[in-house]
PDB file of N, CA and C in Angstrom:
ATOM      1  N   UNK A   1     -90.888  94.738 -40.340  1.00  0.00           N
ATOM      2  CA  UNK A   1     -89.848  93.925 -39.746  1.00  0.00           C
ATOM      3  C   UNK A   1     -90.401  93.030 -38.646  1.00  0.00           C
ATOM      4  N   UNK A   2     -91.498  93.441 -38.045  1.00  0.00           N
ATOM      5  CA  UNK A   2     -92.044  92.659 -36.945  1.00  0.00           C
ATOM      6  C   UNK A   2     -92.661  91.364 -37.468  1.00  0.00           C
ATOM      7  N   UNK A   3     -92.234  90.254 -36.910  1.00  0.00           N
ATOM      8  CA  UNK A   3     -92.767  88.948 -37.278  1.00  0.00           C
ATOM      9  C   UNK A   3     -93.550  88.406 -36.092  1.00  0.00           C
ATOM     10  N   UNK A   4     -94.628  87.694 -36.386  1.00  0.00           N
ATOM     11  CA  UNK A   4     -95.368  87.048 -35.314  1.00  0.00           C
ATOM     12  C   UNK A   4     -94.529  85.935 -34.723  1.00  0.00           C
ATOM     13  N   UNK A   5     -94.269  85.992 -33.456  1.00  0.00           N
ATOM     14  CA  UNK A   5     -93.419  84.990 -32.821  1.00  0.00           C
ATOM     15  C   UNK A   5     -94.178  84.185 -31.779  1.00  0.00           C
ATOM     16  N   UNK A   6     -95.491  84.245 -31.799  1.00  0.00           N
ATOM     17  CA  UNK A   6     -96.246  83.510 -30.788  1.00  0.00           C
ATOM     18  C   UNK A   6     -96.638  84.436 -29.660  1.00  0.00           C
ATOM     19  N   UNK A   7     -97.219  83.862 -28.642  1.00  0.00           N
ATOM     20  CA  UNK A   7     -97.720  84.654 -27.523  1.00  0.00           C
ATOM     21  C   UNK A   7     -96.599  85.393 -26.795  1.00  0.00           C
ATOM     22  N   UNK A   8     -95.495  84.713 -26.569  1.00  0.00           N
ATOM     23  CA  UNK A   8     -94.353  85.322 -25.902  1.00  0.00           C
ATOM     24  C   UNK A   8     -93.373  85.727 -26.989  1.00  0.00           C
ATOM     25  N   UNK A   9     -93.212  87.017 -27.217  1.00  0.00           N
ATOM     26  CA  UNK A   9     -92.449  87.481 -28.359  1.00  0.00           C
ATOM     27  C   UNK A   9     -91.046  87.941 -28.029  1.00  0.00           C
ATOM     28  N   UNK A  10     -90.777  88.203 -26.795  1.00  0.00           N
ATOM     29  CA  UNK A  10     -89.489  88.814 -26.477  1.00  0.00           C
ATOM     30  C   UNK A  10     -88.496  87.782 -25.954  1.00  0.00           C
ATOM     31  N   UNK A  11     -87.243  88.091 -26.193  1.00  0.00           N
ATOM     32  CA  UNK A  11     -86.152  87.302 -25.668  1.00  0.00           C
ATOM     33  C   UNK A  11     -84.976  88.259 -25.503  1.00  0.00           C
ATOM     34  N   UNK A  12     -83.874  87.797 -24.985  1.00  0.00           N
ATOM     35  CA  UNK A  12     -82.725  88.683 -24.817  1.00  0.00           C
ATOM     36  C   UNK A  12     -81.929  88.790 -26.122  1.00  0.00           C
ATOM     37  N   UNK A  13     -80.897  89.620 -26.109  1.00  0.00           N
ATOM     38  CA  UNK A  13     -80.124  89.910 -27.313  1.00  0.00           C
ATOM     39  C   UNK A  13     -79.509  88.655 -27.922  1.00  0.00           C
ATOM     40  N   UNK A  14     -78.917  87.810 -27.113  1.00  0.00           N
ATOM     41  CA  UNK A  14     -78.295  86.591 -27.623  1.00  0.00           C
ATOM     42  C   UNK A  14     -79.352  85.635 -28.177  1.00  0.00           C
ATOM     43  N   UNK A  15     -80.512  85.604 -27.547  1.00  0.00           N
ATOM     44  CA  UNK A  15     -81.611  84.773 -28.034  1.00  0.00           C
ATOM     45  C   UNK A  15     -82.104  85.235 -29.395  1.00  0.00           C
ATOM     46  N   UNK A  16     -82.190  86.546 -29.589  1.00  0.00           N
ATOM     47  CA  UNK A  16     -82.591  87.081 -30.895  1.00  0.00           C
ATOM     48  C   UNK A  16     -81.593  86.693 -31.973  1.00  0.00           C
ATOM     49  N   UNK A  17     -80.307  86.724 -31.633  1.00  0.00           N
ATOM     50  CA  UNK A  17     -79.280  86.314 -32.608  1.00  0.00           C
ATOM     51  C   UNK A  17     -79.451  84.854 -33.003  1.00  0.00           C
ATOM     52  N   UNK A  18     -79.701  84.006 -32.023  1.00  0.00           N
ATOM     53  CA  UNK A  18     -79.895  82.582 -32.303  1.00  0.00           C
ATOM     54  C   UNK A  18     -81.143  82.363 -33.147  1.00  0.00           C
ATOM     55  N   UNK A  19     -82.238  83.026 -32.801  1.00  0.00           N
ATOM     56  CA  UNK A  19     -83.477  82.893 -33.575  1.00  0.00           C
ATOM     57  C   UNK A  19     -83.267  83.375 -35.005  1.00  0.00           C
ATOM     58  N   UNK A  20     -82.569  84.497 -35.180  1.00  0.00           N
ATOM     59  CA  UNK A  20     -82.281  84.995 -36.533  1.00  0.00           C
ATOM     60  C   UNK A  20     -81.462  83.984 -37.326  1.00  0.00           C
ATOM     61  N   UNK A  21     -80.488  83.344 -36.677  1.00  0.00           N
ATOM     62  CA  UNK A  21     -79.665  82.329 -37.354  1.00  0.00           C
ATOM     63  C   UNK A  21     -80.516  81.131 -37.755  1.00  0.00           C
ATOM     64  N   UNK A  22     -81.440  80.714 -36.900  1.00  0.00           N
ATOM     65  CA  UNK A  22     -82.314  79.593 -37.222  1.00  0.00           C
ATOM     66  C   UNK A  22     -83.238  79.939 -38.382  1.00  0.00           C
ATOM     67  N   UNK A  23     -83.740  81.175 -38.406  1.00  0.00           N
ATOM     68  CA  UNK A  23     -84.640  81.587 -39.481  1.00  0.00           C
ATOM     69  C   UNK A  23     -83.937  81.702 -40.829  1.00  0.00           C
ATOM     70  N   UNK A  24     -82.625  81.872 -40.824  1.00  0.00           N
ATOM     71  CA  UNK A  24     -81.873  81.968 -42.084  1.00  0.00           C
ATOM     72  C   UNK A  24     -81.601  80.598 -42.714  1.00  0.00           C
ATOM     73  N   UNK A  25     -81.900  79.523 -42.014  1.00  0.00           N
ATOM     74  CA  UNK A  25     -81.708  78.177 -42.568  1.00  0.00           C
ATOM     75  C   UNK A  25     -82.721  77.980 -43.685  1.00  0.00           C
ATOM     76  N   UNK A  26     -82.262  77.588 -44.888  1.00  0.00           N
ATOM     77  CA  UNK A  26     -83.201  77.346 -45.990  1.00  0.00           C
ATOM     78  C   UNK A  26     -84.214  76.264 -45.613  1.00  0.00           C
ATOM     79  N   UNK A  27     -85.489  76.553 -45.820  1.00  0.00           N
ATOM     80  CA  UNK A  27     -86.553  75.613 -45.480  1.00  0.00           C
ATOM     81  C   UNK A  27     -87.283  75.965 -44.201  1.00  0.00           C
ATOM     82  N   UNK A  28     -86.708  76.854 -43.381  1.00  0.00           N
ATOM     83  CA  UNK A  28     -87.364  77.283 -42.140  1.00  0.00           C
ATOM     84  C   UNK A  28     -88.278  78.456 -42.460  1.00  0.00           C
ATOM     85  N   UNK A  29     -89.549  78.322 -42.121  1.00  0.00           N
ATOM     86  CA  UNK A  29     -90.513  79.396 -42.359  1.00  0.00           C
ATOM     87  C   UNK A  29     -90.536  80.407 -41.222  1.00  0.00           C
ATOM     88  N   UNK A  30     -90.275  79.965 -40.011  1.00  0.00           N
ATOM     89  CA  UNK A  30     -90.303  80.877 -38.882  1.00  0.00           C
ATOM     90  C   UNK A  30     -90.038  80.154 -37.576  1.00  0.00           C
ATOM     91  N   UNK A  31     -89.737  80.958 -36.552  1.00  0.00           N
ATOM     92  CA  UNK A  31     -89.496  80.425 -35.209  1.00  0.00           C
ATOM     93  C   UNK A  31     -90.522  81.062 -34.277  1.00  0.00           C
ATOM     94  N   UNK A  32     -91.245  80.228 -33.558  1.00  0.00           N
ATOM     95  CA  UNK A  32     -92.284  80.692 -32.644  1.00  0.00           C
ATOM     96  C   UNK A  32     -91.806  80.464 -31.222  1.00  0.00           C
ATOM     97  N   UNK A  33     -91.824  81.538 -30.432  1.00  0.00           N
ATOM     98  CA  UNK A  33     -91.434  81.441 -29.025  1.00  0.00           C
ATOM     99  C   UNK A  33     -92.642  80.976 -28.224  1.00  0.00           C
ATOM    100  N   UNK A  34     -92.466  79.927 -27.461  1.00  0.00           N
ATOM    101  CA  UNK A  34     -93.523  79.408 -26.616  1.00  0.00           C
ATOM    102  C   UNK A  34     -93.286  79.899 -25.187  1.00  0.00           C
ATOM    103  N   UNK A  35     -93.552  79.068 -24.227  1.00  0.00           N
ATOM    104  CA  UNK A  35     -93.455  79.524 -22.835  1.00  0.00           C
ATOM    105  C   UNK A  35     -92.009  79.668 -22.366  1.00  0.00           C
ATOM    106  N   UNK A  36     -91.850  80.506 -21.368  1.00  0.00           N
ATOM    107  CA  UNK A  36     -90.560  80.723 -20.717  1.00  0.00           C
ATOM    108  C   UNK A  36     -90.594  80.054 -19.351  1.00  0.00           C
ATOM    109  N   UNK A  37     -89.484  79.428 -18.992  1.00  0.00           N
ATOM    110  CA  UNK A  37     -89.391  78.768 -17.690  1.00  0.00           C
ATOM    111  C   UNK A  37     -88.172  79.338 -16.982  1.00  0.00           C
ATOM    112  N   UNK A  38     -88.404  80.099 -15.939  1.00  0.00           N
ATOM    113  CA  UNK A  38     -87.316  80.745 -15.217  1.00  0.00           C
ATOM    114  C   UNK A  38     -86.530  79.773 -14.354  1.00  0.00           C
ATOM    115  N   UNK A  39     -85.239  80.038 -14.233  1.00  0.00           N
ATOM    116  CA  UNK A  39     -84.390  79.266 -13.347  1.00  0.00           C
ATOM    117  C   UNK A  39     -83.954  77.916 -13.879  1.00  0.00           C
ATOM    118  N   UNK A  40     -84.321  77.585 -15.091  1.00  0.00           N
ATOM    119  CA  UNK A  40     -83.933  76.295 -15.674  1.00  0.00           C
ATOM    120  C   UNK A  40     -82.745  76.499 -16.610  1.00  0.00           C
ATOM    121  N   UNK A  41     -82.067  75.404 -16.942  1.00  0.00           N
ATOM    122  CA  UNK A  41     -80.911  75.453 -17.819  1.00  0.00           C
ATOM    123  C   UNK A  41     -80.963  74.280 -18.787  1.00  0.00           C
ATOM    124  N   UNK A  42     -80.357  74.448 -19.969  1.00  0.00           N
ATOM    125  CA  UNK A  42     -80.326  73.343 -20.928  1.00  0.00           C
ATOM    126  C   UNK A  42     -79.134  72.427 -20.689  1.00  0.00           C
ATOM    127  N   UNK A  43     -78.313  72.758 -19.731  1.00  0.00           N
ATOM    128  CA  UNK A  43     -77.178  71.906 -19.404  1.00  0.00           C
ATOM    129  C   UNK A  43     -76.069  72.694 -18.756  1.00  0.00           C
ATOM    130  N   UNK A  44     -75.128  71.981 -18.214  1.00  0.00           N
ATOM    131  CA  UNK A  44     -73.992  72.642 -17.559  1.00  0.00           C
ATOM    132  C   UNK A  44     -73.133  73.369 -18.570  1.00  0.00           C
ATOM    133  N   UNK A  45     -72.598  74.468 -18.135  1.00  0.00           N
ATOM    134  CA  UNK A  45     -71.680  75.281 -18.934  1.00  0.00           C
ATOM    135  C   UNK A  45     -72.273  75.680 -20.285  1.00  0.00           C
ATOM    136  N   UNK A  46     -73.553  75.985 -20.303  1.00  0.00           N
ATOM    137  CA  UNK A  46     -74.206  76.465 -21.519  1.00  0.00           C
ATOM    138  C   UNK A  46     -74.366  77.965 -21.422  1.00  0.00           C
ATOM    139  N   UNK A  47     -74.072  78.638 -22.511  1.00  0.00           N
ATOM    140  CA  UNK A  47     -74.106  80.098 -22.544  1.00  0.00           C
ATOM    141  C   UNK A  47     -75.501  80.590 -22.925  1.00  0.00           C
ATOM    142  N   UNK A  48     -75.763  81.833 -22.580  1.00  0.00           N
ATOM    143  CA  UNK A  48     -76.996  82.484 -22.990  1.00  0.00           C
ATOM    144  C   UNK A  48     -77.011  82.519 -24.518  1.00  0.00           C
ATOM    145  N   UNK A  49     -78.124  82.137 -25.114  1.00  0.00           N
ATOM    146  CA  UNK A  49     -78.246  82.096 -26.568  1.00  0.00           C
ATOM    147  C   UNK A  49     -78.036  80.713 -27.153  1.00  0.00           C
ATOM    148  N   UNK A  50     -77.614  79.737 -26.337  1.00  0.00           N
ATOM    149  CA  UNK A  50     -77.446  78.373 -26.838  1.00  0.00           C
ATOM    150  C   UNK A  50     -78.814  77.755 -27.121  1.00  0.00           C
ATOM    151  N   UNK A  51     -78.859  76.941 -28.164  1.00  0.00           N
ATOM    152  CA  UNK A  51     -80.084  76.297 -28.618  1.00  0.00           C
ATOM    153  C   UNK A  51     -79.906  74.788 -28.558  1.00  0.00           C
ATOM    154  N   UNK A  52     -80.963  74.087 -28.157  1.00  0.00           N
ATOM    155  CA  UNK A  52     -80.924  72.626 -28.117  1.00  0.00           C
ATOM    156  C   UNK A  52     -82.149  72.085 -28.853  1.00  0.00           C
ATOM    157  N   UNK A  53     -81.890  71.312 -29.898  1.00  0.00           N
ATOM    158  CA  UNK A  53     -82.952  70.671 -30.666  1.00  0.00           C
ATOM    159  C   UNK A  53     -83.479  69.492 -29.861  1.00  0.00           C
ATOM    160  N   UNK A  54     -84.796  69.446 -29.668  1.00  0.00           N
ATOM    161  CA  UNK A  54     -85.372  68.383 -28.840  1.00  0.00           C
ATOM    162  C   UNK A  54     -86.098  67.304 -29.620  1.00  0.00           C
ATOM    163  N   UNK A  55     -86.689  67.647 -30.743  1.00  0.00           N
ATOM    164  CA  UNK A  55     -87.385  66.596 -31.479  1.00  0.00           C
ATOM    165  C   UNK A  55     -88.273  67.129 -32.577  1.00  0.00           C
ATOM    166  N   UNK A  56     -88.890  66.195 -33.297  1.00  0.00           N
ATOM    167  CA  UNK A  56     -89.785  66.517 -34.399  1.00  0.00           C
ATOM    168  C   UNK A  56     -91.220  66.572 -33.919  1.00  0.00           C
ATOM    169  N   UNK A  57     -91.977  67.456 -34.560  1.00  0.00           N
ATOM    170  CA  UNK A  57     -93.409  67.580 -34.308  1.00  0.00           C
ATOM    171  C   UNK A  57     -94.084  67.746 -35.658  1.00  0.00           C
ATOM    172  N   UNK A  58     -95.384  67.583 -35.748  1.00  0.00           N
ATOM    173  CA  UNK A  58     -96.055  67.837 -37.019  1.00  0.00           C
ATOM    174  C   UNK A  58     -95.811  69.287 -37.470  1.00  0.00           C
ATOM    175  N   UNK A  59     -95.249  69.464 -38.644  1.00  0.00           N
ATOM    176  CA  UNK A  59     -95.022  70.805 -39.181  1.00  0.00           C
ATOM    177  C   UNK A  59     -93.688  71.425 -38.831  1.00  0.00           C
ATOM    178  N   UNK A  60     -92.882  70.756 -38.031  1.00  0.00           N
ATOM    179  CA  UNK A  60     -91.601  71.364 -37.679  1.00  0.00           C
ATOM    180  C   UNK A  60     -90.858  70.629 -36.581  1.00  0.00           C
ATOM    181  N   UNK A  61     -90.091  71.416 -35.836  1.00  0.00           N
ATOM    182  CA  UNK A  61     -89.233  70.855 -34.797  1.00  0.00           C
ATOM    183  C   UNK A  61     -89.409  71.628 -33.500  1.00  0.00           C
ATOM    184  N   UNK A  62     -89.116  70.968 -32.393  1.00  0.00           N
ATOM    185  CA  UNK A  62     -89.200  71.556 -31.058  1.00  0.00           C
ATOM    186  C   UNK A  62     -87.780  71.730 -30.523  1.00  0.00           C
ATOM    187  N   UNK A  63     -87.560  72.825 -29.825  1.00  0.00           N
ATOM    188  CA  UNK A  63     -86.259  73.059 -29.223  1.00  0.00           C
ATOM    189  C   UNK A  63     -86.382  73.998 -28.036  1.00  0.00           C
ATOM    190  N   UNK A  64     -85.270  74.195 -27.347  1.00  0.00           N
ATOM    191  CA  UNK A  64     -85.244  75.148 -26.239  1.00  0.00           C
ATOM    192  C   UNK A  64     -84.052  76.080 -26.410  1.00  0.00           C
ATOM    193  N   UNK A  65     -84.198  77.270 -25.872  1.00  0.00           N
ATOM    194  CA  UNK A  65     -83.207  78.331 -25.984  1.00  0.00           C
ATOM    195  C   UNK A  65     -82.819  78.781 -24.585  1.00  0.00           C
ATOM    196  N   UNK A  66     -81.524  78.847 -24.316  1.00  0.00           N
ATOM    197  CA  UNK A  66     -81.051  79.329 -23.020  1.00  0.00           C
ATOM    198  C   UNK A  66     -81.097  80.850 -23.023  1.00  0.00           C
ATOM    199  N   UNK A  67     -81.735  81.441 -22.014  1.00  0.00           N
ATOM    200  CA  UNK A  67     -81.772  82.895 -21.871  1.00  0.00           C
ATOM    201  C   UNK A  67     -81.093  83.274 -20.555  1.00  0.00           C
ATOM    202  N   UNK A  68     -80.985  84.562 -20.324  1.00  0.00           N
ATOM    203  CA  UNK A  68     -80.340  85.028 -19.098  1.00  0.00           C
ATOM    204  C   UNK A  68     -81.167  84.712 -17.859  1.00  0.00           C
ATOM    205  N   UNK A  69     -82.469  84.443 -18.030  1.00  0.00           N
ATOM    206  CA  UNK A  69     -83.332  84.192 -16.888  1.00  0.00           C
ATOM    207  C   UNK A  69     -83.825  82.755 -16.793  1.00  0.00           C
ATOM    208  N   UNK A  70     -83.480  81.922 -17.764  1.00  0.00           N
ATOM    209  CA  UNK A  70     -83.946  80.537 -17.765  1.00  0.00           C
ATOM    210  C   UNK A  70     -83.941  79.989 -19.182  1.00  0.00           C
ATOM    211  N   UNK A  71     -85.014  79.276 -19.541  1.00  0.00           N
ATOM    212  CA  UNK A  71     -85.118  78.746 -20.898  1.00  0.00           C
ATOM    213  C   UNK A  71     -86.420  79.199 -21.541  1.00  0.00           C
ATOM    214  N   UNK A  72     -86.437  79.181 -22.866  1.00  0.00           N
ATOM    215  CA  UNK A  72     -87.649  79.435 -23.632  1.00  0.00           C
ATOM    216  C   UNK A  72     -87.840  78.266 -24.587  1.00  0.00           C
ATOM    217  N   UNK A  73     -89.062  77.791 -24.661  1.00  0.00           N
ATOM    218  CA  UNK A  73     -89.379  76.734 -25.607  1.00  0.00           C
ATOM    219  C   UNK A  73     -89.609  77.375 -26.974  1.00  0.00           C
ATOM    220  N   UNK A  74     -89.118  76.708 -28.026  1.00  0.00           N
ATOM    221  CA  UNK A  74     -89.261  77.207 -29.392  1.00  0.00           C
ATOM    222  C   UNK A  74     -89.923  76.152 -30.257  1.00  0.00           C
ATOM    223  N   UNK A  75     -90.662  76.615 -31.264  1.00  0.00           N
ATOM    224  CA  UNK A  75     -91.164  75.746 -32.317  1.00  0.00           C
ATOM    225  C   UNK A  75     -90.620  76.299 -33.622  1.00  0.00           C
ATOM    226  N   UNK A  76     -89.922  75.467 -34.385  1.00  0.00           N
ATOM    227  CA  UNK A  76     -89.332  75.877 -35.653  1.00  0.00           C
ATOM    228  C   UNK A  76     -90.211  75.312 -36.760  1.00  0.00           C
ATOM    229  N   UNK A  77     -90.947  76.196 -37.415  1.00  0.00           N
ATOM    230  CA  UNK A  77     -91.851  75.795 -38.509  1.00  0.00           C
ATOM    231  C   UNK A  77     -91.046  75.654 -39.788  1.00  0.00           C
ATOM    232  N   UNK A  78     -91.199  74.524 -40.470  1.00  0.00           N
ATOM    233  CA  UNK A  78     -90.449  74.268 -41.698  1.00  0.00           C
ATOM    234  C   UNK A  78     -91.406  73.927 -42.840  1.00  0.00           C
ATOM    235  N   UNK A  79     -90.945  74.174 -44.065  1.00  0.00           N
ATOM    236  CA  UNK A  79     -91.759  73.878 -45.254  1.00  0.00           C
ATOM    237  C   UNK A  79     -91.950  72.375 -45.443  1.00  0.00           C
ATOM    238  N   UNK A  80     -90.855  71.622 -45.323  1.00  0.00           N
ATOM    239  CA  UNK A  80     -90.895  70.164 -45.510  1.00  0.00           C
ATOM    240  C   UNK A  80     -90.343  69.497 -44.253  1.00  0.00           C
ATOM    241  N   UNK A  81     -91.225  69.111 -43.314  1.00  0.00           N
ATOM    242  CA  UNK A  81     -90.759  68.549 -42.044  1.00  0.00           C
ATOM    243  C   UNK A  81     -89.902  67.294 -42.184  1.00  0.00           C
ATOM    244  N   UNK A  82     -90.047  66.574 -43.294  1.00  0.00           N
ATOM    245  CA  UNK A  82     -89.270  65.350 -43.473  1.00  0.00           C
ATOM    246  C   UNK A  82     -87.928  65.603 -44.143  1.00  0.00           C
ATOM    247  N   UNK A  83     -87.557  66.867 -44.324  1.00  0.00           N
ATOM    248  CA  UNK A  83     -86.303  67.208 -44.982  1.00  0.00           C
ATOM    249  C   UNK A  83     -85.110  66.905 -44.078  1.00  0.00           C
ATOM    250  N   UNK A  84     -84.268  65.996 -44.531  1.00  0.00           N
ATOM    251  CA  UNK A  84     -83.073  65.635 -43.764  1.00  0.00           C
ATOM    252  C   UNK A  84     -82.079  66.790 -43.719  1.00  0.00           C
ATOM    253  N   UNK A  85     -82.055  67.601 -44.770  1.00  0.00           N
ATOM    254  CA  UNK A  85     -81.117  68.726 -44.824  1.00  0.00           C
ATOM    255  C   UNK A  85     -81.456  69.779 -43.761  1.00  0.00           C
ATOM    256  N   UNK A  86     -82.738  70.098 -43.611  1.00  0.00           N
ATOM    257  CA  UNK A  86     -83.149  71.071 -42.595  1.00  0.00           C
ATOM    258  C   UNK A  86     -82.832  70.530 -41.206  1.00  0.00           C
ATOM    259  N   UNK A  87     -83.139  69.260 -40.973  1.00  0.00           N
ATOM    260  CA  UNK A  87     -82.858  68.654 -39.666  1.00  0.00           C
ATOM    261  C   UNK A  87     -81.360  68.687 -39.361  1.00  0.00           C
ATOM    262  N   UNK A  88     -80.532  68.386 -40.366  1.00  0.00           N
ATOM    263  CA  UNK A  88     -79.079  68.395 -40.173  1.00  0.00           C
ATOM    264  C   UNK A  88     -78.583  69.800 -39.832  1.00  0.00           C
ATOM    265  N   UNK A  89     -79.103  70.817 -40.529  1.00  0.00           N
ATOM    266  CA  UNK A  89     -78.665  72.184 -40.249  1.00  0.00           C
ATOM    267  C   UNK A  89     -79.139  72.666 -38.880  1.00  0.00           C
ATOM    268  N   UNK A  90     -80.331  72.263 -38.467  1.00  0.00           N
ATOM    269  CA  UNK A  90     -80.789  72.602 -37.116  1.00  0.00           C
ATOM    270  C   UNK A  90     -79.921  71.914 -36.075  1.00  0.00           C
ATOM    271  N   UNK A  91     -79.555  70.668 -36.335  1.00  0.00           N
ATOM    272  CA  UNK A  91     -78.697  69.924 -35.402  1.00  0.00           C
ATOM    273  C   UNK A  91     -77.323  70.574 -35.289  1.00  0.00           C
ATOM    274  N   UNK A  92     -76.832  71.192 -36.373  1.00  0.00           N
ATOM    275  CA  UNK A  92     -75.537  71.885 -36.326  1.00  0.00           C
ATOM    276  C   UNK A  92     -75.587  73.109 -35.408  1.00  0.00           C
ATOM    277  N   UNK A  93     -76.758  73.753 -35.315  1.00  0.00           N
ATOM    278  CA  UNK A  93     -76.915  74.903 -34.418  1.00  0.00           C
ATOM    279  C   UNK A  93     -77.170  74.472 -32.980  1.00  0.00           C
ATOM    280  N   UNK A  94     -77.530  73.213 -32.793  1.00  0.00           N
ATOM    281  CA  UNK A  94     -77.874  72.703 -31.471  1.00  0.00           C
ATOM    282  C   UNK A  94     -76.598  72.373 -30.682  1.00  0.00           C
ATOM    283  N   UNK A  95     -76.669  72.604 -29.379  1.00  0.00           N
ATOM    284  CA  UNK A  95     -75.544  72.229 -28.526  1.00  0.00           C
ATOM    285  C   UNK A  95     -75.501  70.715 -28.426  1.00  0.00           C
ATOM    286  N   UNK A  96     -74.321  70.184 -28.299  1.00  0.00           N
ATOM    287  CA  UNK A  96     -74.141  68.739 -28.200  1.00  0.00           C
ATOM    288  C   UNK A  96     -73.978  68.355 -26.746  1.00  0.00           C
ATOM    289  N   UNK A  97     -74.530  67.224 -26.405  1.00  0.00           N
ATOM    290  CA  UNK A  97     -74.353  66.709 -25.051  1.00  0.00           C
ATOM    291  C   UNK A  97     -72.918  66.256 -24.874  1.00  0.00           C
ATOM    292  N   UNK A  98     -72.297  66.539 -23.730  1.00  0.00           N
ATOM    293  CA  UNK A  98     -70.937  66.086 -23.514  1.00  0.00           C
ATOM    294  C   UNK A  98     -70.848  64.562 -23.501  1.00  0.00           C
ATOM    295  N   UNK A  99     -69.837  64.033 -24.123  1.00  0.00           N
ATOM    296  CA  UNK A  99     -69.673  62.575 -24.114  1.00  0.00           C
ATOM    297  C   UNK A  99     -69.082  62.128 -22.783  1.00  0.00           C
ATOM    298  N   UNK A 100     -69.491  60.969 -22.347  1.00  0.00           N
ATOM    299  CA  UNK A 100     -69.030  60.477 -21.048  1.00  0.00           C
ATOM    300  C   UNK A 100     -67.973  59.459 -21.213  1.00  0.00           C
TER     301      UNK A 100
END
């Protein structure tokens, strides 16, 4: 059951739920946890476990995850990085910026 998640492998319960949901998206090979930054937030009124898609990278997508202690950077490895369907499904899991 243990999957390699990168150097930093642990997250809180809500973060694990979000990562599991991201991994269930067809086309996603895995989610790698990168560095943790304490005391930061992905935005106002964001709950623990919220995910924000930040952009494309070679081989996948970059995002951040809100945790109880700050944020964690994530890399979402995908089979076909140019797949519009995978990007759309990741965007559906991502929090939306409030409109002004």
